[in-house]
Amino acid sequence: MTNVNCNVKNCGYNENAKCAKKHIDVEGLFAKSKIGTFCQSFKNPHNSDILISEMAKEMSLDSSSVKVLCTANYCVHNENNECVAKDITIGNENASYRSETECGSFRTR
């Protein structure tokens, strides 16, 4: 499990700069830098009560250990499509869409 710091202000899973989702998916199949990655699990709840209640089911009380699935094949932290880094940071604090997020902990193999 990984400690996920989240700087994305508009994500509904962001709880005090920590990811509160039980598991997240980081995408970036052909990424050679953090710019080519994004958090597939990003959700911008806006004003939707239905979305907020659905998200609550996916959240964990323990935000210190989140399972991180990852397709960034060129990242040193990716082992069998799972992130093995102890800590990662999901960034772009002003992201409104998942494509605007990025894994700030990406390191090229």
N, C-alpha and C. Protein backbone atom coordinates (compact mmCIF):
# COMPACT_ATOMS: atom_id res chain seq x y z
N MET A 1 0.84 -1.18 0.00
CA MET A 1 0.00 0.00 0.00
C MET A 1 0.88 1.24 0.00
N THR A 2 0.31 2.30 -0.49
CA THR A 2 1.06 3.53 -0.71
C THR A 2 0.36 4.71 -0.03
N ASN A 3 1.14 5.62 0.47
CA ASN A 3 0.61 6.88 1.00
C ASN A 3 0.46 7.83 -0.18
N VAL A 4 -0.77 8.26 -0.44
CA VAL A 4 -1.02 9.12 -1.60
C VAL A 4 -1.35 10.53 -1.15
N ASN A 5 -0.43 11.43 -1.45
CA ASN A 5 -0.65 12.86 -1.22
C ASN A 5 -1.37 13.40 -2.44
N CYS A 6 -2.38 14.19 -2.22
CA CYS A 6 -3.16 14.72 -3.34
C CYS A 6 -3.22 16.24 -3.26
N ASN A 7 -2.70 16.87 -4.30
CA ASN A 7 -2.72 18.33 -4.37
C ASN A 7 -3.85 18.84 -5.26
N VAL A 8 -4.71 17.93 -5.74
CA VAL A 8 -5.77 18.30 -6.66
C VAL A 8 -6.99 18.76 -5.86
N LYS A 9 -7.17 20.07 -5.80
CA LYS A 9 -8.23 20.67 -4.98
C LYS A 9 -9.63 20.25 -5.38
N ASN A 10 -9.88 20.02 -6.67
CA ASN A 10 -11.21 19.73 -7.16
C ASN A 10 -11.58 18.25 -7.13
N CYS A 11 -10.74 17.39 -6.59
CA CYS A 11 -11.07 15.97 -6.55
C CYS A 11 -11.88 15.66 -5.29
N GLY A 12 -12.97 14.96 -5.48
CA GLY A 12 -13.84 14.61 -4.36
C GLY A 12 -13.21 13.66 -3.37
N TYR A 13 -12.14 12.97 -3.77
CA TYR A 13 -11.45 12.05 -2.86
C TYR A 13 -10.36 12.73 -2.04
N ASN A 14 -10.09 13.98 -2.33
CA ASN A 14 -9.05 14.72 -1.60
C ASN A 14 -9.57 15.11 -0.22
N GLU A 15 -8.94 14.56 0.81
CA GLU A 15 -9.28 14.89 2.20
C GLU A 15 -8.02 15.44 2.87
N ASN A 16 -7.97 16.74 3.04
CA ASN A 16 -6.81 17.38 3.69
C ASN A 16 -5.49 17.01 3.02
N ALA A 17 -5.48 17.09 1.68
CA ALA A 17 -4.30 16.83 0.85
C ALA A 17 -3.86 15.37 0.87
N LYS A 18 -4.76 14.45 1.22
CA LYS A 18 -4.51 13.01 1.16
C LYS A 18 -5.62 12.37 0.34
N CYS A 19 -5.30 11.31 -0.37
CA CYS A 19 -6.32 10.60 -1.13
C CYS A 19 -7.07 9.69 -0.18
N ALA A 20 -8.39 9.81 -0.18
CA ALA A 20 -9.23 9.01 0.72
C ALA A 20 -9.94 7.87 -0.02
N LYS A 21 -9.56 7.61 -1.27
CA LYS A 21 -10.17 6.51 -2.01
C LYS A 21 -9.44 5.22 -1.64
N LYS A 22 -10.14 4.11 -1.57
CA LYS A 22 -9.53 2.84 -1.19
C LYS A 22 -8.44 2.40 -2.15
N HIS A 23 -8.65 2.63 -3.42
CA HIS A 23 -7.62 2.35 -4.42
C HIS A 23 -7.80 3.32 -5.58
N ILE A 24 -6.68 3.65 -6.21
CA ILE A 24 -6.73 4.55 -7.36
C ILE A 24 -6.00 3.90 -8.54
N ASP A 25 -6.31 4.42 -9.71
CA ASP A 25 -5.66 3.97 -10.94
C ASP A 25 -4.90 5.14 -11.53
N VAL A 26 -3.60 4.94 -11.70
CA VAL A 26 -2.76 5.93 -12.37
C VAL A 26 -2.49 5.41 -13.78
N GLU A 27 -2.77 6.22 -14.78
CA GLU A 27 -2.59 5.83 -16.17
C GLU A 27 -1.37 6.54 -16.75
N GLY A 28 -0.82 5.97 -17.79
CA GLY A 28 0.32 6.56 -18.47
C GLY A 28 1.11 5.51 -19.21
N LEU A 29 0.44 4.68 -19.98
CA LEU A 29 1.02 3.53 -20.65
C LEU A 29 2.34 3.82 -21.34
N PHE A 30 2.41 4.91 -22.09
CA PHE A 30 3.63 5.24 -22.83
C PHE A 30 4.35 6.46 -22.27
N ALA A 31 3.99 6.88 -21.06
CA ALA A 31 4.58 8.08 -20.46
C ALA A 31 6.08 7.90 -20.23
N LYS A 32 6.81 8.94 -20.56
CA LYS A 32 8.25 8.98 -20.30
C LYS A 32 8.58 10.03 -19.25
N SER A 33 7.53 10.75 -18.78
CA SER A 33 7.67 11.74 -17.71
C SER A 33 6.32 11.86 -17.01
N LYS A 34 6.29 12.60 -15.92
CA LYS A 34 5.03 12.75 -15.18
C LYS A 34 3.95 13.43 -16.02
N ILE A 35 4.35 14.21 -17.01
CA ILE A 35 3.39 14.92 -17.85
C ILE A 35 2.49 13.95 -18.62
N GLY A 36 2.97 12.76 -18.91
CA GLY A 36 2.18 11.77 -19.65
C GLY A 36 1.32 10.89 -18.77
N THR A 37 1.28 11.17 -17.47
CA THR A 37 0.48 10.36 -16.55
C THR A 37 -0.75 11.13 -16.09
N PHE A 38 -1.73 10.42 -15.57
CA PHE A 38 -2.89 11.08 -14.97
C PHE A 38 -3.59 10.11 -14.03
N CYS A 39 -4.35 10.67 -13.11
CA CYS A 39 -5.10 9.88 -12.14
C CYS A 39 -6.47 9.54 -12.74
N GLN A 40 -6.62 8.31 -13.16
CA GLN A 40 -7.87 7.84 -13.77
C GLN A 40 -9.02 7.90 -12.76
N SER A 41 -8.70 7.87 -11.47
CA SER A 41 -9.73 7.84 -10.42
C SER A 41 -10.25 9.22 -10.04
N PHE A 42 -9.68 10.27 -10.60
CA PHE A 42 -10.10 11.63 -10.30
C PHE A 42 -11.61 11.80 -10.51
N LYS A 43 -12.27 12.41 -9.55
CA LYS A 43 -13.70 12.73 -9.69
C LYS A 43 -13.91 14.16 -9.20
N ASN A 44 -14.51 14.96 -10.04
CA ASN A 44 -14.87 16.33 -9.67
C ASN A 44 -16.37 16.31 -9.37
N PRO A 45 -16.75 16.30 -8.09
CA PRO A 45 -18.15 16.09 -7.74
C PRO A 45 -19.09 17.23 -8.08
N HIS A 46 -18.57 18.44 -8.29
CA HIS A 46 -19.41 19.62 -8.55
C HIS A 46 -20.60 19.64 -7.59
N ASN A 47 -21.79 19.62 -8.10
CA ASN A 47 -22.98 19.72 -7.26
C ASN A 47 -23.86 18.48 -7.32
N SER A 48 -23.32 17.37 -7.75
CA SER A 48 -24.13 16.17 -7.92
C SER A 48 -24.20 15.36 -6.63
N ASP A 49 -25.36 15.32 -5.99
CA ASP A 49 -25.54 14.54 -4.77
C ASP A 49 -25.40 13.05 -5.04
N ILE A 50 -25.83 12.60 -6.22
CA ILE A 50 -25.71 11.18 -6.56
C ILE A 50 -24.25 10.78 -6.65
N LEU A 51 -23.46 11.58 -7.34
CA LEU A 51 -22.04 11.29 -7.47
C LEU A 51 -21.36 11.29 -6.12
N ILE A 52 -21.69 12.24 -5.28
CA ILE A 52 -21.09 12.32 -3.95
C ILE A 52 -21.42 11.08 -3.13
N SER A 53 -22.64 10.59 -3.18
CA SER A 53 -23.00 9.39 -2.41
C SER A 53 -22.32 8.15 -2.98
N GLU A 54 -22.17 8.07 -4.30
CA GLU A 54 -21.44 6.95 -4.90
C GLU A 54 -19.98 6.98 -4.49
N MET A 55 -19.38 8.17 -4.45
CA MET A 55 -17.99 8.30 -4.07
C MET A 55 -17.77 7.89 -2.62
N ALA A 56 -18.72 8.17 -1.76
CA ALA A 56 -18.59 7.83 -0.34
C ALA A 56 -18.38 6.33 -0.15
N LYS A 57 -18.98 5.51 -0.99
CA LYS A 57 -18.83 4.06 -0.91
C LYS A 57 -17.41 3.61 -1.23
N GLU A 58 -16.69 4.41 -2.01
CA GLU A 58 -15.34 4.05 -2.44
C GLU A 58 -14.25 4.61 -1.54
N MET A 59 -14.64 5.35 -0.51
CA MET A 59 -13.65 6.01 0.33
C MET A 59 -13.28 5.16 1.53
N SER A 60 -12.09 5.39 2.03
CA SER A 60 -11.57 4.66 3.17
C SER A 60 -11.35 5.61 4.34
N LEU A 61 -11.50 5.10 5.54
CA LEU A 61 -11.22 5.91 6.72
C LEU A 61 -9.72 6.05 6.94
N ASP A 62 -8.94 5.14 6.36
CA ASP A 62 -7.49 5.16 6.53
C ASP A 62 -6.84 5.64 5.24
N SER A 63 -6.60 6.93 5.13
CA SER A 63 -6.01 7.48 3.92
C SER A 63 -4.49 7.31 3.88
N SER A 64 -3.91 6.63 4.87
CA SER A 64 -2.46 6.45 4.89
C SER A 64 -2.01 5.26 4.05
N SER A 65 -2.94 4.44 3.58
CA SER A 65 -2.54 3.30 2.75
C SER A 65 -3.58 3.05 1.68
N VAL A 66 -3.25 3.49 0.49
CA VAL A 66 -4.14 3.37 -0.66
C VAL A 66 -3.48 2.42 -1.66
N LYS A 67 -4.24 1.51 -2.21
CA LYS A 67 -3.71 0.64 -3.25
C LYS A 67 -3.69 1.43 -4.55
N VAL A 68 -2.54 1.46 -5.21
CA VAL A 68 -2.38 2.24 -6.43
C VAL A 68 -2.05 1.31 -7.59
N LEU A 69 -3.01 1.15 -8.49
CA LEU A 69 -2.77 0.41 -9.72
C LEU A 69 -2.19 1.39 -10.72
N CYS A 70 -1.25 0.92 -11.55
CA CYS A 70 -0.53 1.85 -12.42
C CYS A 70 -0.19 1.20 -13.75
N THR A 71 -0.43 1.93 -14.84
CA THR A 71 -0.06 1.43 -16.16
C THR A 71 1.17 2.15 -16.73
N ALA A 72 1.83 2.96 -15.93
CA ALA A 72 3.01 3.68 -16.41
C ALA A 72 4.20 2.72 -16.49
N ASN A 73 4.30 2.03 -17.62
CA ASN A 73 5.30 0.97 -17.79
C ASN A 73 6.74 1.44 -17.67
N TYR A 74 6.98 2.72 -17.89
CA TYR A 74 8.35 3.24 -17.84
C TYR A 74 8.71 3.86 -16.51
N CYS A 75 7.87 3.66 -15.50
CA CYS A 75 8.14 4.21 -14.16
C CYS A 75 8.82 3.16 -13.30
N VAL A 76 9.85 3.57 -12.57
CA VAL A 76 10.59 2.64 -11.71
C VAL A 76 9.72 2.08 -10.57
N HIS A 77 8.66 2.76 -10.22
CA HIS A 77 7.81 2.33 -9.12
C HIS A 77 6.74 1.32 -9.54
N ASN A 78 6.62 1.07 -10.84
CA ASN A 78 5.60 0.15 -11.34
C ASN A 78 6.14 -1.27 -11.34
N GLU A 79 5.52 -2.13 -10.54
CA GLU A 79 5.84 -3.55 -10.54
C GLU A 79 4.55 -4.32 -10.76
N ASN A 80 4.47 -4.95 -11.93
CA ASN A 80 3.28 -5.73 -12.28
C ASN A 80 2.00 -4.90 -12.19
N ASN A 81 2.07 -3.69 -12.72
CA ASN A 81 0.93 -2.76 -12.76
C ASN A 81 0.43 -2.33 -11.39
N GLU A 82 1.31 -2.34 -10.41
CA GLU A 82 0.99 -1.79 -9.10
C GLU A 82 2.15 -0.90 -8.66
N CYS A 83 1.80 0.25 -8.08
CA CYS A 83 2.82 1.18 -7.61
C CYS A 83 3.40 0.66 -6.29
N VAL A 84 4.72 0.55 -6.23
CA VAL A 84 5.37 0.06 -5.01
C VAL A 84 6.08 1.18 -4.25
N ALA A 85 5.91 2.42 -4.72
CA ALA A 85 6.50 3.55 -4.00
C ALA A 85 5.80 3.69 -2.65
N LYS A 86 6.54 4.05 -1.64
CA LYS A 86 5.95 4.24 -0.31
C LYS A 86 5.04 5.46 -0.30
N ASP A 87 5.46 6.51 -0.98
CA ASP A 87 4.70 7.76 -1.06
C ASP A 87 4.64 8.24 -2.49
N ILE A 88 3.47 8.69 -2.93
CA ILE A 88 3.36 9.36 -4.23
C ILE A 88 2.53 10.63 -4.05
N THR A 89 2.66 11.50 -5.02
CA THR A 89 1.89 12.74 -5.02
C THR A 89 1.16 12.88 -6.35
N ILE A 90 -0.13 13.11 -6.28
CA ILE A 90 -0.92 13.41 -7.47
C ILE A 90 -1.04 14.92 -7.54
N GLY A 91 -0.70 15.46 -8.68
CA GLY A 91 -0.62 16.91 -8.77
C GLY A 91 -1.49 17.58 -9.80
N ASN A 92 -1.27 18.84 -9.89
CA ASN A 92 -1.95 19.90 -10.63
C ASN A 92 -3.17 20.33 -9.83
N GLU A 93 -2.92 21.17 -8.88
CA GLU A 93 -3.95 21.56 -7.91
C GLU A 93 -5.20 22.16 -8.54
N ASN A 94 -5.11 22.73 -9.72
CA ASN A 94 -6.28 23.36 -10.34
C ASN A 94 -6.95 22.49 -11.39
N ALA A 95 -6.63 21.20 -11.42
CA ALA A 95 -7.22 20.29 -12.40
C ALA A 95 -8.73 20.22 -12.24
N SER A 96 -9.42 20.24 -13.36
CA SER A 96 -10.88 20.07 -13.37
C SER A 96 -11.27 18.76 -14.03
N TYR A 97 -10.31 18.16 -14.75
CA TYR A 97 -10.53 16.90 -15.45
C TYR A 97 -9.37 15.97 -15.16
N ARG A 98 -9.62 14.67 -15.24
CA ARG A 98 -8.56 13.70 -14.93
C ARG A 98 -7.36 13.87 -15.84
N SER A 99 -7.57 14.28 -17.07
CA SER A 99 -6.46 14.47 -18.01
C SER A 99 -5.52 15.60 -17.59
N GLU A 100 -5.96 16.44 -16.68
CA GLU A 100 -5.13 17.55 -16.20
C GLU A 100 -4.33 17.19 -14.94
N THR A 101 -4.53 15.98 -14.41
CA THR A 101 -3.77 15.55 -13.24
C THR A 101 -2.48 14.88 -13.70
N GLU A 102 -1.59 14.60 -12.76
CA GLU A 102 -0.36 13.88 -13.09
C GLU A 102 0.23 13.26 -11.84
N CYS A 103 0.99 12.19 -12.04
CA CYS A 103 1.67 11.55 -10.91
C CYS A 103 3.02 12.23 -10.75
N GLY A 104 3.13 13.04 -9.71
CA GLY A 104 4.35 13.80 -9.47
C GLY A 104 5.51 12.92 -9.02
N SER A 105 5.26 11.66 -8.73
CA SER A 105 6.31 10.75 -8.25
C SER A 105 6.87 9.89 -9.36
N PHE A 106 6.41 10.08 -10.59
CA PHE A 106 6.91 9.31 -11.73
C PHE A 106 8.41 9.48 -11.88
N ARG A 107 9.12 8.37 -12.02
CA ARG A 107 10.56 8.38 -12.28
C ARG A 107 10.84 7.38 -13.39
N THR A 108 11.52 7.81 -14.44
CA THR A 108 11.81 6.95 -15.58
C THR A 108 12.78 5.84 -15.22
N ARG A 109 12.49 4.65 -15.73
CA ARG A 109 13.39 3.48 -15.54
C ARG A 109 14.71 3.73 -16.20
